[in-house]
Amino acid sequence: MPAIWSLIFVCVLSFALSAEAAPVSSEWSRYCKAGLKSMKAHNYSDAERAFQDALERAERDHEPVEIRLECLSNLGKLYAEKKNYSKAASTFNRAVALAEKEFPRAGLAEDDFDVYVADVRRRVRRAWIPPKDETASAVIIVFTTHQDGHIDHPSIIQSSGSELVDSSAVKGILDASPFECLPLGSPKSIVIKLKLDPRVDLVPQVAPSPIGKFRNF
């Protein structure tokens, strides 16, 4: 049975600090703010340098893991906006690896996540209306879900090859949100990586896995 869904549930950015909330005096924060400003102005070269400098300072100064995750998240979102999907994916995967290493499981039962994932899947399944495009392949999207169920704007890390399919997938996720609140005992936010393929039926395959690892649907 072909799989259309690949959902990765990761305890990432669980106590993430935004650049706006960080002390003005910290070096990483100044570079991060400069990167966000450049990114907003679509000055991607300057933004990339600033985000890389922010991450370098955070690692050099042994800043808390939350800050390093924030730097990686900003860099990943930049690559996704530039449509450099391979770098976006590798950067988000680096954040995932760091989070899995540093953060505990938060005391959650496996079933709590299974129920939550199933609800996210149902909602997006109902909302996504892919256009017909025989040349399109799967699109992979990441987005952060917060405790109250609201999400950050989704970022594409692998294009389907069709702008129509890509935009419809993003719209489907946005239309399906906000989701239910995260299960009791969850971190402040989680990152979901979602694979949507317009070529196959929306029939899920389920493979069990530990919390914080791959969950395929």
Protein backbone atom coordinates (compact mmCIF):
# COMPACT_ATOMS: atom_id res chain seq x y z
CA MET A 1 0.00 0.00 0.00
CA PRO A 2 1.66 3.30 -1.03
CA ALA A 3 2.36 5.74 1.77
CA ILE A 4 1.43 9.37 1.34
CA TRP A 5 2.15 10.45 4.86
CA SER A 6 5.42 10.64 6.70
CA LEU A 7 5.04 12.41 10.02
CA ILE A 8 7.98 13.07 12.25
CA PHE A 9 7.10 14.05 15.79
CA VAL A 10 10.07 15.67 17.47
CA CYS A 11 10.48 17.39 20.81
CA VAL A 12 12.27 20.33 19.21
CA LEU A 13 12.38 23.92 20.39
CA SER A 14 10.69 22.75 23.57
CA PHE A 15 11.76 25.83 25.46
CA ALA A 16 12.75 27.89 22.43
CA LEU A 17 13.59 31.53 22.99
CA SER A 18 12.88 34.03 20.24
CA ALA A 19 15.55 36.48 19.22
CA GLU A 20 13.25 39.26 20.30
CA ALA A 21 13.16 37.95 23.86
CA ALA A 22 16.89 37.42 24.22
CA PRO A 23 19.17 39.87 26.02
CA VAL A 24 20.22 42.67 23.68
CA SER A 25 23.84 42.31 24.82
CA SER A 26 24.25 38.71 23.63
CA GLU A 27 26.23 38.34 20.42
CA TRP A 28 24.07 35.56 19.01
CA SER A 29 20.96 37.68 19.55
CA ARG A 30 22.35 40.66 17.64
CA TYR A 31 23.30 38.48 14.68
CA CYS A 32 19.95 36.73 14.83
CA LYS A 33 18.03 40.01 14.76
CA ALA A 34 20.17 41.20 11.84
CA GLY A 35 19.41 37.97 10.01
CA LEU A 36 15.67 38.28 10.57
CA LYS A 37 15.76 41.86 9.31
CA SER A 38 17.71 40.88 6.19
CA MET A 39 15.43 37.90 5.57
CA LYS A 40 12.36 40.12 5.78
CA ALA A 41 13.96 42.39 3.16
CA HIS A 42 14.73 39.31 0.99
CA ASN A 43 18.44 39.98 1.35
CA TYR A 44 19.17 36.30 1.69
CA SER A 45 22.97 36.37 1.45
CA ASP A 46 23.26 38.75 4.39
CA ALA A 47 20.61 36.81 6.29
CA GLU A 48 22.46 33.53 5.83
CA ARG A 49 25.75 35.01 7.02
CA ALA A 50 24.04 36.56 10.06
CA PHE A 51 22.26 33.34 11.04
CA GLN A 52 25.45 31.32 10.62
CA ASP A 53 27.32 33.86 12.76
CA ALA A 54 24.56 33.66 15.36
CA LEU A 55 24.89 29.86 15.50
CA GLU A 56 28.70 30.07 15.63
CA ARG A 57 28.55 32.51 18.58
CA ALA A 58 25.96 30.42 20.38
CA GLU A 59 28.11 27.30 20.06
CA ARG A 60 31.33 29.14 20.93
CA ASP A 61 29.84 30.71 24.05
CA HIS A 62 28.16 27.45 25.12
CA GLU A 63 24.72 29.01 25.07
CA PRO A 64 21.80 26.81 26.22
CA VAL A 65 20.53 24.25 23.73
CA GLU A 66 17.30 26.22 23.28
CA ILE A 67 19.27 29.07 21.73
CA ARG A 68 21.20 26.80 19.41
CA LEU A 69 17.90 25.28 18.27
CA GLU A 70 16.51 28.76 17.64
CA CYS A 71 19.54 29.58 15.46
CA LEU A 72 19.18 26.34 13.50
CA SER A 73 15.45 26.92 13.07
CA ASN A 74 16.01 30.39 11.63
CA LEU A 75 18.66 29.06 9.26
CA GLY A 76 16.41 26.21 8.14
CA LYS A 77 13.50 28.57 7.47
CA LEU A 78 15.82 30.80 5.43
CA TYR A 79 16.93 27.90 3.22
CA ALA A 80 13.31 26.84 2.78
CA GLU A 81 12.31 30.36 1.74
CA LYS A 82 15.19 30.38 -0.75
CA LYS A 83 13.90 27.02 -2.04
CA ASN A 84 17.23 25.43 -1.20
CA TYR A 85 15.41 22.36 0.05
CA SER A 86 18.41 20.09 0.55
CA LYS A 87 20.06 22.58 2.92
CA ALA A 88 16.74 23.22 4.65
CA ALA A 89 16.25 19.51 5.27
CA SER A 90 19.78 18.96 6.55
CA THR A 91 19.52 21.97 8.87
CA PHE A 92 16.19 20.83 10.33
CA ASN A 93 17.59 17.30 10.70
CA ARG A 94 20.53 18.77 12.58
CA ALA A 95 18.09 20.50 14.93
CA VAL A 96 16.19 17.24 15.39
CA ALA A 97 19.39 15.37 16.30
CA LEU A 98 20.38 18.05 18.79
CA ALA A 99 16.95 18.07 20.42
CA GLU A 100 16.80 14.28 20.68
CA LYS A 101 20.22 14.28 22.33
CA GLU A 102 19.55 17.08 24.81
CA PHE A 103 15.87 16.80 25.74
CA PRO A 104 14.18 14.01 27.71
CA ARG A 105 10.92 12.44 26.65
CA ALA A 106 8.93 14.79 28.92
CA GLY A 107 7.17 11.85 30.59
CA LEU A 108 4.56 11.40 27.88
CA ALA A 109 2.88 8.10 27.12
CA GLU A 110 3.28 6.79 23.57
CA ASP A 111 -0.51 6.63 23.18
CA ASP A 112 -0.83 10.37 23.87
CA PHE A 113 1.27 11.15 20.82
CA ASP A 114 -0.44 8.51 18.69
CA VAL A 115 -3.84 10.07 19.36
CA TYR A 116 -2.55 13.57 18.63
CA VAL A 117 -0.82 12.50 15.41
CA ALA A 118 -3.96 10.73 14.23
CA ASP A 119 -5.99 13.91 14.75
CA VAL A 120 -3.47 16.06 12.84
CA ARG A 121 -3.52 13.51 10.03
CA ARG A 122 -7.32 13.48 9.79
CA ARG A 123 -7.58 17.26 9.75
CA VAL A 124 -5.00 17.79 7.00
CA ARG A 125 -6.38 14.85 5.05
CA ARG A 126 -9.79 16.53 4.95
CA ALA A 127 -8.42 19.98 4.16
CA TRP A 128 -5.87 19.24 1.41
CA ILE A 129 -7.22 19.43 -2.14
CA PRO A 130 -4.30 18.72 -4.49
CA PRO A 131 -4.58 19.99 -8.06
CA LYS A 132 -4.18 17.51 -10.89
CA ASP A 133 -0.59 17.53 -12.09
CA GLU A 134 0.82 14.29 -13.45
CA THR A 135 4.37 15.65 -13.27
CA ALA A 136 4.25 16.42 -9.55
CA SER A 137 5.86 14.22 -6.91
CA ALA A 138 5.71 14.36 -3.12
CA VAL A 139 6.11 17.63 -1.25
CA ILE A 140 7.67 17.66 2.22
CA ILE A 141 6.74 20.44 4.64
CA VAL A 142 7.80 21.28 8.20
CA PHE A 143 5.94 23.43 10.69
CA THR A 144 6.05 24.13 14.41
CA THR A 145 2.96 23.39 16.50
CA HIS A 146 2.62 25.20 19.81
CA GLN A 147 0.90 24.11 23.01
CA ASP A 148 -2.38 25.82 22.11
CA GLY A 149 -2.51 24.07 18.70
CA HIS A 150 -1.54 27.10 16.64
CA ILE A 151 1.26 26.66 14.12
CA ASP A 152 3.99 28.74 12.57
CA HIS A 153 3.79 29.21 8.81
CA PRO A 154 4.78 25.93 7.10
CA SER A 155 8.10 25.74 5.25
CA ILE A 156 8.64 23.52 2.21
CA ILE A 157 11.87 21.53 2.45
CA GLN A 158 11.27 19.38 -0.63
CA SER A 159 9.24 20.65 -3.58
CA SER A 160 6.85 18.45 -5.53
CA GLY A 161 8.11 20.10 -8.71
CA SER A 162 4.79 21.90 -9.09
CA GLU A 163 4.14 25.30 -7.55
CA LEU A 164 0.41 24.56 -7.60
CA VAL A 165 0.83 21.35 -5.61
CA ASP A 166 3.28 22.99 -3.21
CA SER A 167 1.00 25.93 -2.50
CA SER A 168 -2.07 23.69 -2.16
CA ALA A 169 -0.26 21.54 0.42
CA VAL A 170 0.71 24.59 2.46
CA LYS A 171 -2.86 25.86 2.20
CA GLY A 172 -4.19 22.49 3.32
CA ILE A 173 -2.11 22.59 6.49
CA LEU A 174 -3.08 26.19 7.21
CA ASP A 175 -6.76 25.44 6.58
CA ALA A 176 -6.58 22.43 8.90
CA SER A 177 -5.07 24.45 11.73
CA PRO A 178 -5.24 25.31 14.52
CA PHE A 179 -5.01 21.76 15.78
CA GLU A 180 -5.96 20.52 19.22
CA CYS A 181 -3.79 21.54 22.16
CA LEU A 182 -0.68 19.42 22.64
CA PRO A 183 -1.08 16.51 25.09
CA LEU A 184 -0.63 17.25 28.78
CA GLY A 185 3.05 17.17 29.67
CA SER A 186 4.22 18.08 26.16
CA PRO A 187 7.05 20.56 25.56
CA LYS A 188 6.09 24.10 24.59
CA SER A 189 6.29 23.28 20.89
CA ILE A 190 7.01 20.42 18.54
CA VAL A 191 8.11 20.25 14.93
CA ILE A 192 6.09 18.19 12.48
CA LYS A 193 7.50 17.07 9.15
CA LEU A 194 4.77 16.10 6.73
CA LYS A 195 5.01 14.36 3.35
CA LEU A 196 2.11 14.78 0.91
CA ASP A 197 2.01 13.01 -2.44
CA PRO A 198 -0.72 13.93 -4.97
CA ARG A 199 -0.06 10.77 -7.03
CA VAL A 200 -1.44 8.30 -4.51
CA ASP A 201 -4.60 7.82 -2.51
CA LEU A 202 -4.80 9.25 0.99
CA VAL A 203 -4.49 5.83 2.61
CA PRO A 204 -2.21 5.72 5.64
CA GLN A 205 0.43 3.16 6.51
CA VAL A 206 1.31 2.92 10.17
CA ALA A 207 4.68 1.97 11.58
CA PRO A 208 5.27 2.26 15.35
CA SER A 209 8.31 4.13 16.63
CA PRO A 210 9.58 5.70 19.85
CA ILE A 211 8.69 9.25 20.81
CA GLY A 212 10.95 11.69 19.05
CA LYS A 213 11.69 9.26 16.20
CA PHE A 214 10.15 8.75 12.79
CA ARG A 215 6.44 8.02 12.65
CA ASN A 216 5.25 6.97 9.20
CA PHE A 217 1.63 7.31 8.17
